[in-house]
Amino acid sequence: MTEQEKKDLMSKYAEKLEKTIKTEKSVLKEIEDDKLTLATLKDKKQSGAPFDNTVYESWDEWIAQLEKEVKAGQTSVANIEFKKVLLEAVKKYVGI
């Protein structure tokens, strides 16, 4: 593979990285939404509100699922931060 072919390949990779990085705002918004929902669910559980969800079997199951989603979102944000650094390196290599 020639140097130019390598740079062309890395340019395409840079485009993919940029697309992923653009999702950061929506990921952060989803994390915040999940945190608000989580707080609401915990309040309802603590107050003894009746459980009326057909998807989950209990407050605990629903809360655990949201906690997993928040953690996954935080992992996504960490990955996006790494991809920002990677994109910078790719751009330097390609000369963009």
C-alpha atoms as a PDB file:
ATOM      1  CA  MET A   1       0.000   0.000   0.000  1.00  0.00           C
ATOM      2  CA  THR A   2       1.389   3.370  -0.953  1.00  0.00           C
ATOM      3  CA  GLU A   3       1.588   6.314   1.413  1.00  0.00           C
ATOM      4  CA  GLN A   4      -1.207   8.073  -0.488  1.00  0.00           C
ATOM      5  CA  GLU A   5      -3.446   4.992  -0.274  1.00  0.00           C
ATOM      6  CA  LYS A   6      -2.835   4.889   3.465  1.00  0.00           C
ATOM      7  CA  LYS A   7      -3.753   8.553   3.791  1.00  0.00           C
ATOM      8  CA  ASP A   8      -6.899   8.047   1.699  1.00  0.00           C
ATOM      9  CA  LEU A   9      -7.914   5.158   3.927  1.00  0.00           C
ATOM     10  CA  MET A  10      -7.274   7.196   7.058  1.00  0.00           C
ATOM     11  CA  SER A  11      -9.264  10.121   5.616  1.00  0.00           C
ATOM     12  CA  LYS A  12     -12.286   7.848   5.313  1.00  0.00           C
ATOM     13  CA  TYR A  13     -11.700   6.675   8.875  1.00  0.00           C
ATOM     14  CA  ALA A  14     -11.582  10.315  10.005  1.00  0.00           C
ATOM     15  CA  GLU A  15     -15.051  10.830   8.502  1.00  0.00           C
ATOM     16  CA  LYS A  16     -16.388   7.891  10.525  1.00  0.00           C
ATOM     17  CA  LEU A  17     -14.813   9.281  13.682  1.00  0.00           C
ATOM     18  CA  GLU A  18     -16.411  12.681  13.047  1.00  0.00           C
ATOM     19  CA  LYS A  19     -19.840  11.078  12.668  1.00  0.00           C
ATOM     20  CA  THR A  20     -19.425   9.273  15.970  1.00  0.00           C
ATOM     21  CA  ILE A  21     -18.234  12.429  17.717  1.00  0.00           C
ATOM     22  CA  LYS A  22     -21.330  14.293  16.485  1.00  0.00           C
ATOM     23  CA  THR A  23     -23.490  11.945  18.576  1.00  0.00           C
ATOM     24  CA  GLU A  24     -22.004  13.256  21.831  1.00  0.00           C
ATOM     25  CA  LYS A  25     -24.754  15.813  22.512  1.00  0.00           C
ATOM     26  CA  SER A  26     -27.529  13.277  22.048  1.00  0.00           C
ATOM     27  CA  VAL A  27     -25.729  10.750  24.261  1.00  0.00           C
ATOM     28  CA  LEU A  28     -25.313  13.373  26.989  1.00  0.00           C
ATOM     29  CA  LYS A  29     -28.975  14.339  26.700  1.00  0.00           C
ATOM     30  CA  GLU A  30     -30.045  10.721  26.977  1.00  0.00           C
ATOM     31  CA  ILE A  31     -27.905  10.260  30.079  1.00  0.00           C
ATOM     32  CA  GLU A  32     -29.526  13.288  31.696  1.00  0.00           C
ATOM     33  CA  ASP A  33     -33.007  12.055  30.746  1.00  0.00           C
ATOM     34  CA  ASP A  34     -32.225   8.627  32.195  1.00  0.00           C
ATOM     35  CA  LYS A  35     -30.921  10.194  35.408  1.00  0.00           C
ATOM     36  CA  LEU A  36     -34.101  12.226  35.811  1.00  0.00           C
ATOM     37  CA  THR A  37     -36.245   9.164  35.170  1.00  0.00           C
ATOM     38  CA  LEU A  38     -34.132   7.175  37.604  1.00  0.00           C
ATOM     39  CA  ALA A  39     -34.625   9.782  40.331  1.00  0.00           C
ATOM     40  CA  THR A  40     -38.373   9.794  39.680  1.00  0.00           C
ATOM     41  CA  LEU A  41     -38.565   6.007  39.851  1.00  0.00           C
ATOM     42  CA  LYS A  42     -36.594   5.909  43.096  1.00  0.00           C
ATOM     43  CA  ASP A  43     -38.942   8.513  44.592  1.00  0.00           C
ATOM     44  CA  LYS A  44     -42.003   6.534  43.491  1.00  0.00           C
ATOM     45  CA  LYS A  45     -40.583   3.305  44.888  1.00  0.00           C
ATOM     46  CA  GLN A  46     -39.716   4.950  48.198  1.00  0.00           C
ATOM     47  CA  SER A  47     -43.149   6.530  48.499  1.00  0.00           C
ATOM     48  CA  GLY A  48     -44.810   3.154  47.969  1.00  0.00           C
ATOM     49  CA  ALA A  49     -46.498   4.105  44.710  1.00  0.00           C
ATOM     50  CA  PRO A  50     -48.138   1.158  42.958  1.00  0.00           C
ATOM     51  CA  PHE A  51     -46.037  -0.442  40.252  1.00  0.00           C
ATOM     52  CA  ASP A  52     -47.842  -0.142  36.934  1.00  0.00           C
ATOM     53  CA  ASN A  53     -45.336  -1.082  34.236  1.00  0.00           C
ATOM     54  CA  THR A  54     -45.940  -4.041  31.960  1.00  0.00           C
ATOM     55  CA  VAL A  55     -42.351  -4.210  30.686  1.00  0.00           C
ATOM     56  CA  TYR A  56     -40.569  -4.701  34.009  1.00  0.00           C
ATOM     57  CA  GLU A  57     -41.557  -6.946  36.888  1.00  0.00           C
ATOM     58  CA  SER A  58     -40.635  -4.555  39.713  1.00  0.00           C
ATOM     59  CA  TRP A  59     -39.333  -1.124  40.618  1.00  0.00           C
ATOM     60  CA  ASP A  60     -35.947  -2.688  41.320  1.00  0.00           C
ATOM     61  CA  GLU A  61     -35.710  -4.295  37.884  1.00  0.00           C
ATOM     62  CA  TRP A  62     -36.686  -1.050  36.169  1.00  0.00           C
ATOM     63  CA  ILE A  63     -34.235   0.981  38.275  1.00  0.00           C
ATOM     64  CA  ALA A  64     -31.426  -1.518  37.606  1.00  0.00           C
ATOM     65  CA  GLN A  65     -32.060  -1.280  33.862  1.00  0.00           C
ATOM     66  CA  LEU A  66     -31.878   2.519  33.931  1.00  0.00           C
ATOM     67  CA  GLU A  67     -28.686   2.395  35.981  1.00  0.00           C
ATOM     68  CA  LYS A  68     -27.179   0.133  33.304  1.00  0.00           C
ATOM     69  CA  GLU A  69     -28.269   2.567  30.598  1.00  0.00           C
ATOM     70  CA  VAL A  70     -26.676   5.511  32.433  1.00  0.00           C
ATOM     71  CA  LYS A  71     -23.443   3.548  32.833  1.00  0.00           C
ATOM     72  CA  ALA A  72     -23.476   2.559  29.148  1.00  0.00           C
ATOM     73  CA  GLY A  73     -24.034   6.185  28.185  1.00  0.00           C
ATOM     74  CA  GLN A  74     -21.111   7.291  30.331  1.00  0.00           C
ATOM     75  CA  THR A  75     -18.948   4.641  28.655  1.00  0.00           C
ATOM     76  CA  SER A  76     -20.040   5.997  25.272  1.00  0.00           C
ATOM     77  CA  VAL A  77     -19.021   9.515  26.283  1.00  0.00           C
ATOM     78  CA  ALA A  78     -15.606   8.229  27.389  1.00  0.00           C
ATOM     79  CA  ASN A  79     -15.220   6.466  24.033  1.00  0.00           C
ATOM     80  CA  ILE A  80     -16.176   9.647  22.189  1.00  0.00           C
ATOM     81  CA  GLU A  81     -13.518  11.556  24.132  1.00  0.00           C
ATOM     82  CA  PHE A  82     -10.931   8.988  23.018  1.00  0.00           C
ATOM     83  CA  LYS A  83     -12.158   9.248  19.434  1.00  0.00           C
ATOM     84  CA  LYS A  84     -11.647  13.019  19.544  1.00  0.00           C
ATOM     85  CA  VAL A  85      -7.991  12.457  20.386  1.00  0.00           C
ATOM     86  CA  LEU A  86      -7.724   9.750  17.746  1.00  0.00           C
ATOM     87  CA  LEU A  87      -9.284  12.053  15.151  1.00  0.00           C
ATOM     88  CA  GLU A  88      -6.739  14.724  15.958  1.00  0.00           C
ATOM     89  CA  ALA A  89      -3.907  12.233  15.395  1.00  0.00           C
ATOM     90  CA  VAL A  90      -5.451  10.982  12.143  1.00  0.00           C
ATOM     91  CA  LYS A  91      -5.836  14.528  10.856  1.00  0.00           C
ATOM     92  CA  LYS A  92      -2.196  15.268  11.601  1.00  0.00           C
ATOM     93  CA  TYR A  93      -1.122  12.127   9.782  1.00  0.00           C
ATOM     94  CA  VAL A  94      -3.310  12.827   6.763  1.00  0.00           C
ATOM     95  CA  GLY A  95      -2.516  16.533   6.744  1.00  0.00           C
ATOM     96  CA  ILE A  96      -6.088  17.752   7.080  1.00  0.00           C
END
